Structures are given as structure tokens and as C-alpha cells.
């Protein structure tokens, strides 16, 4: 597959987060992770306990963990 100059390649990764119980939790985590450089999209799912992040490059897990911690939750490692 070739990528044209108008497209940006993204990296997708799923993380497991403990402590999410509702849409407020999802929003708090999404907001914190979205502020990381290179993040294109974030989708937190409280029921599954997961967060899917798309970014322009591989994210440092410690940076993601710090963002999740800032939101008041914990990244399962």
C-alpha cells in the first residue's frame, strides 16, 4: 500500500486501564491522552477497560501511563 502526501500513517495501540466505570471516566482519560504529541484519536471503553489510541508514531508507554494517572486511573501493565 502506498501513502500519498495527503495521508498520514498512524499507529494504533490498545491499552488496558483499571478503574473506569462510566462515560465521565472515559472522557477524562480521552482528554488526557489526546494532549500527548502525535495522538490523532482516542477511544476509551469503560465496559471493556480499554483505551485505543491512534498516533502518528509509537507512543512511550510511560507517557500514556502518566496521562492515565493524571486522569485518576491506572494503566495496567
N, C-alpha and C. Protein backbone atom coordinates (compact mmCIF):
# COMPACT_ATOMS: atom_id res chain seq x y z
N UNK A 1 0.85 -1.18 0.00
CA UNK A 1 0.00 0.00 0.00
C UNK A 1 0.88 1.23 0.00
N UNK A 2 0.60 2.16 -0.84
CA UNK A 2 1.36 3.40 -0.86
C UNK A 2 0.55 4.51 -0.21
N UNK A 3 1.25 5.45 0.36
CA UNK A 3 0.60 6.57 1.05
C UNK A 3 0.90 7.84 0.27
N UNK A 4 -0.14 8.58 -0.05
CA UNK A 4 0.07 9.83 -0.75
C UNK A 4 0.46 10.91 0.25
N UNK A 5 0.87 12.05 -0.24
CA UNK A 5 1.32 13.13 0.64
C UNK A 5 0.18 13.71 1.47
N UNK A 6 -1.08 13.44 1.11
CA UNK A 6 -2.21 13.95 1.86
C UNK A 6 -2.64 13.03 3.01
N UNK A 7 -2.04 11.85 3.08
CA UNK A 7 -2.39 10.88 4.11
C UNK A 7 -1.29 10.81 5.15
N UNK A 8 -1.69 10.55 6.38
CA UNK A 8 -0.73 10.38 7.47
C UNK A 8 -0.84 8.95 7.97
N UNK A 9 0.29 8.25 8.02
CA UNK A 9 0.29 6.90 8.56
C UNK A 9 0.09 6.98 10.06
N UNK A 10 -0.72 6.09 10.61
CA UNK A 10 -0.95 6.09 12.05
C UNK A 10 -0.61 4.74 12.65
N UNK A 11 -0.32 4.77 13.92
CA UNK A 11 -0.04 3.58 14.71
C UNK A 11 -1.19 3.43 15.69
N UNK A 12 -1.80 2.26 15.72
CA UNK A 12 -2.88 2.01 16.67
C UNK A 12 -2.41 1.09 17.77
N UNK A 13 -2.85 1.36 18.98
CA UNK A 13 -2.46 0.51 20.11
C UNK A 13 -3.58 0.48 21.14
N UNK A 14 -3.78 -0.69 21.73
CA UNK A 14 -4.79 -0.87 22.76
C UNK A 14 -4.09 -0.96 24.12
N UNK A 15 -4.62 -0.22 25.08
CA UNK A 15 -4.11 -0.24 26.44
C UNK A 15 -5.24 -0.68 27.37
N UNK A 16 -4.89 -1.33 28.46
CA UNK A 16 -5.86 -1.71 29.48
C UNK A 16 -5.74 -0.75 30.65
N UNK A 17 -6.89 -0.24 31.10
CA UNK A 17 -6.94 0.74 32.18
C UNK A 17 -7.86 0.22 33.28
N UNK A 18 -7.41 0.34 34.52
CA UNK A 18 -8.24 -0.08 35.64
C UNK A 18 -8.92 1.13 36.27
N UNK A 19 -10.14 0.91 36.75
CA UNK A 19 -10.85 1.95 37.48
C UNK A 19 -11.91 2.70 36.70
N UNK A 20 -11.98 2.51 35.38
CA UNK A 20 -13.02 3.19 34.60
C UNK A 20 -14.37 2.52 34.86
N UNK A 21 -15.40 3.34 35.12
CA UNK A 21 -16.72 2.77 35.37
C UNK A 21 -17.83 3.45 34.57
N UNK A 22 -17.55 4.60 33.96
CA UNK A 22 -18.63 5.36 33.31
C UNK A 22 -18.10 6.24 32.18
N UNK A 23 -19.02 6.95 31.55
CA UNK A 23 -18.63 7.82 30.44
C UNK A 23 -17.77 9.00 30.91
N UNK A 24 -17.96 9.44 32.14
CA UNK A 24 -17.12 10.50 32.69
C UNK A 24 -15.67 10.03 32.77
N UNK A 25 -15.48 8.80 33.21
CA UNK A 25 -14.14 8.21 33.27
C UNK A 25 -13.52 8.16 31.87
N UNK A 26 -14.32 7.70 30.91
CA UNK A 26 -13.83 7.61 29.54
C UNK A 26 -13.38 8.98 29.04
N UNK A 27 -14.21 9.98 29.27
CA UNK A 27 -13.90 11.33 28.79
C UNK A 27 -12.63 11.88 29.45
N UNK A 28 -12.47 11.66 30.74
CA UNK A 28 -11.28 12.16 31.45
C UNK A 28 -10.01 11.55 30.87
N UNK A 29 -10.04 10.26 30.62
CA UNK A 29 -8.87 9.57 30.06
C UNK A 29 -8.61 10.01 28.63
N UNK A 30 -9.67 10.09 27.83
CA UNK A 30 -9.52 10.52 26.44
C UNK A 30 -8.91 11.92 26.36
N UNK A 31 -9.35 12.81 27.21
CA UNK A 31 -8.85 14.19 27.20
C UNK A 31 -7.36 14.23 27.53
N UNK A 32 -6.95 13.49 28.55
CA UNK A 32 -5.53 13.49 28.95
C UNK A 32 -4.65 12.88 27.87
N UNK A 33 -5.04 11.73 27.34
CA UNK A 33 -4.21 11.07 26.32
C UNK A 33 -4.18 11.89 25.03
N UNK A 34 -5.29 12.53 24.69
CA UNK A 34 -5.35 13.34 23.46
C UNK A 34 -4.35 14.49 23.48
N UNK A 35 -3.92 14.89 24.66
CA UNK A 35 -2.97 16.01 24.75
C UNK A 35 -1.53 15.58 24.47
N UNK A 36 -1.28 14.28 24.35
CA UNK A 36 0.08 13.83 24.03
C UNK A 36 0.41 14.16 22.58
N UNK A 37 1.65 14.57 22.32
CA UNK A 37 2.06 14.88 20.95
C UNK A 37 1.90 13.68 20.01
N UNK A 38 1.29 13.93 18.87
CA UNK A 38 1.15 12.89 17.85
C UNK A 38 -0.13 12.09 17.93
N UNK A 39 -0.92 12.26 18.99
CA UNK A 39 -2.16 11.49 19.12
C UNK A 39 -3.21 12.04 18.16
N UNK A 40 -3.77 11.14 17.36
CA UNK A 40 -4.79 11.51 16.36
C UNK A 40 -6.20 11.20 16.84
N UNK A 41 -6.34 10.10 17.60
CA UNK A 41 -7.66 9.68 18.06
C UNK A 41 -7.51 8.83 19.31
N UNK A 42 -8.51 8.94 20.20
CA UNK A 42 -8.53 8.15 21.43
C UNK A 42 -9.95 7.67 21.65
N UNK A 43 -10.10 6.40 21.99
CA UNK A 43 -11.42 5.85 22.28
C UNK A 43 -11.32 4.98 23.53
N UNK A 44 -11.85 5.48 24.65
CA UNK A 44 -11.87 4.73 25.89
C UNK A 44 -13.19 3.98 26.01
N UNK A 45 -13.14 2.76 26.52
CA UNK A 45 -14.32 1.92 26.69
C UNK A 45 -14.32 1.39 28.12
N UNK A 46 -15.14 2.00 28.99
CA UNK A 46 -15.18 1.62 30.41
C UNK A 46 -15.59 0.17 30.59
N UNK A 47 -16.57 -0.28 29.83
CA UNK A 47 -17.06 -1.65 29.97
C UNK A 47 -15.97 -2.69 29.68
N UNK A 48 -15.15 -2.40 28.69
CA UNK A 48 -14.07 -3.32 28.31
C UNK A 48 -12.80 -3.05 29.10
N UNK A 49 -12.70 -1.86 29.71
CA UNK A 49 -11.48 -1.49 30.43
C UNK A 49 -10.32 -1.22 29.50
N UNK A 50 -10.64 -0.73 28.30
CA UNK A 50 -9.58 -0.49 27.32
C UNK A 50 -9.61 0.92 26.77
N UNK A 51 -8.46 1.32 26.25
CA UNK A 51 -8.33 2.59 25.54
C UNK A 51 -7.57 2.28 24.26
N UNK A 52 -8.14 2.68 23.13
CA UNK A 52 -7.47 2.52 21.85
C UNK A 52 -6.97 3.89 21.42
N UNK A 53 -5.69 3.95 21.11
CA UNK A 53 -5.05 5.22 20.75
C UNK A 53 -4.45 5.09 19.37
N UNK A 54 -4.74 6.06 18.52
CA UNK A 54 -4.09 6.17 17.21
C UNK A 54 -3.18 7.38 17.26
N UNK A 55 -1.95 7.20 16.79
CA UNK A 55 -0.97 8.28 16.83
C UNK A 55 -0.10 8.23 15.59
N UNK A 56 0.62 9.31 15.37
CA UNK A 56 1.50 9.40 14.20
C UNK A 56 2.81 8.66 14.41
N UNK A 57 3.07 8.23 15.64
CA UNK A 57 4.28 7.48 15.96
C UNK A 57 4.00 6.60 17.18
N UNK A 58 4.86 5.64 17.42
CA UNK A 58 4.71 4.78 18.60
C UNK A 58 4.86 5.63 19.85
N UNK A 59 3.88 5.56 20.73
CA UNK A 59 3.92 6.35 21.97
C UNK A 59 4.73 5.64 23.03
N UNK A 60 5.37 6.42 23.87
CA UNK A 60 6.08 5.89 25.03
C UNK A 60 5.03 5.46 26.05
N UNK A 61 5.08 4.22 26.48
CA UNK A 61 4.10 3.70 27.43
C UNK A 61 4.11 4.50 28.73
N UNK A 62 5.27 4.97 29.15
CA UNK A 62 5.35 5.78 30.37
C UNK A 62 4.57 7.09 30.22
N UNK A 63 4.58 7.67 29.03
CA UNK A 63 3.82 8.90 28.78
C UNK A 63 2.32 8.63 28.84
N UNK A 64 1.91 7.52 28.26
CA UNK A 64 0.49 7.14 28.30
C UNK A 64 0.08 6.87 29.74
N UNK A 65 0.92 6.14 30.47
CA UNK A 65 0.62 5.84 31.88
C UNK A 65 0.51 7.11 32.71
N UNK A 66 1.37 8.08 32.45
CA UNK A 66 1.32 9.35 33.19
C UNK A 66 0.02 10.10 32.88
N UNK A 67 -0.42 10.06 31.63
CA UNK A 67 -1.68 10.71 31.26
C UNK A 67 -2.87 10.04 31.93
N UNK A 68 -2.86 8.71 31.94
CA UNK A 68 -3.94 7.96 32.59
C UNK A 68 -3.94 8.26 34.09
N UNK A 69 -2.76 8.30 34.69
CA UNK A 69 -2.63 8.62 36.11
C UNK A 69 -3.15 10.02 36.41
N UNK A 70 -2.85 10.97 35.53
CA UNK A 70 -3.31 12.36 35.71
C UNK A 70 -4.84 12.42 35.70
N UNK A 71 -5.46 11.53 34.94
CA UNK A 71 -6.92 11.48 34.90
C UNK A 71 -7.50 10.78 36.12
N UNK A 72 -6.64 10.12 36.91
CA UNK A 72 -7.10 9.46 38.13
C UNK A 72 -7.29 7.96 38.01
N UNK A 73 -6.67 7.35 36.99
CA UNK A 73 -6.84 5.93 36.74
C UNK A 73 -5.46 5.30 36.61
N UNK A 74 -5.43 3.98 36.37
CA UNK A 74 -4.15 3.30 36.29
C UNK A 74 -4.05 2.46 35.03
N UNK A 75 -2.93 2.60 34.35
CA UNK A 75 -2.65 1.78 33.18
C UNK A 75 -2.18 0.42 33.67
N UNK A 76 -2.86 -0.63 33.22
CA UNK A 76 -2.46 -2.00 33.58
C UNK A 76 -1.26 -2.38 32.72
N UNK A 77 -0.23 -2.86 33.36
CA UNK A 77 0.98 -3.23 32.60
C UNK A 77 1.23 -4.71 32.64
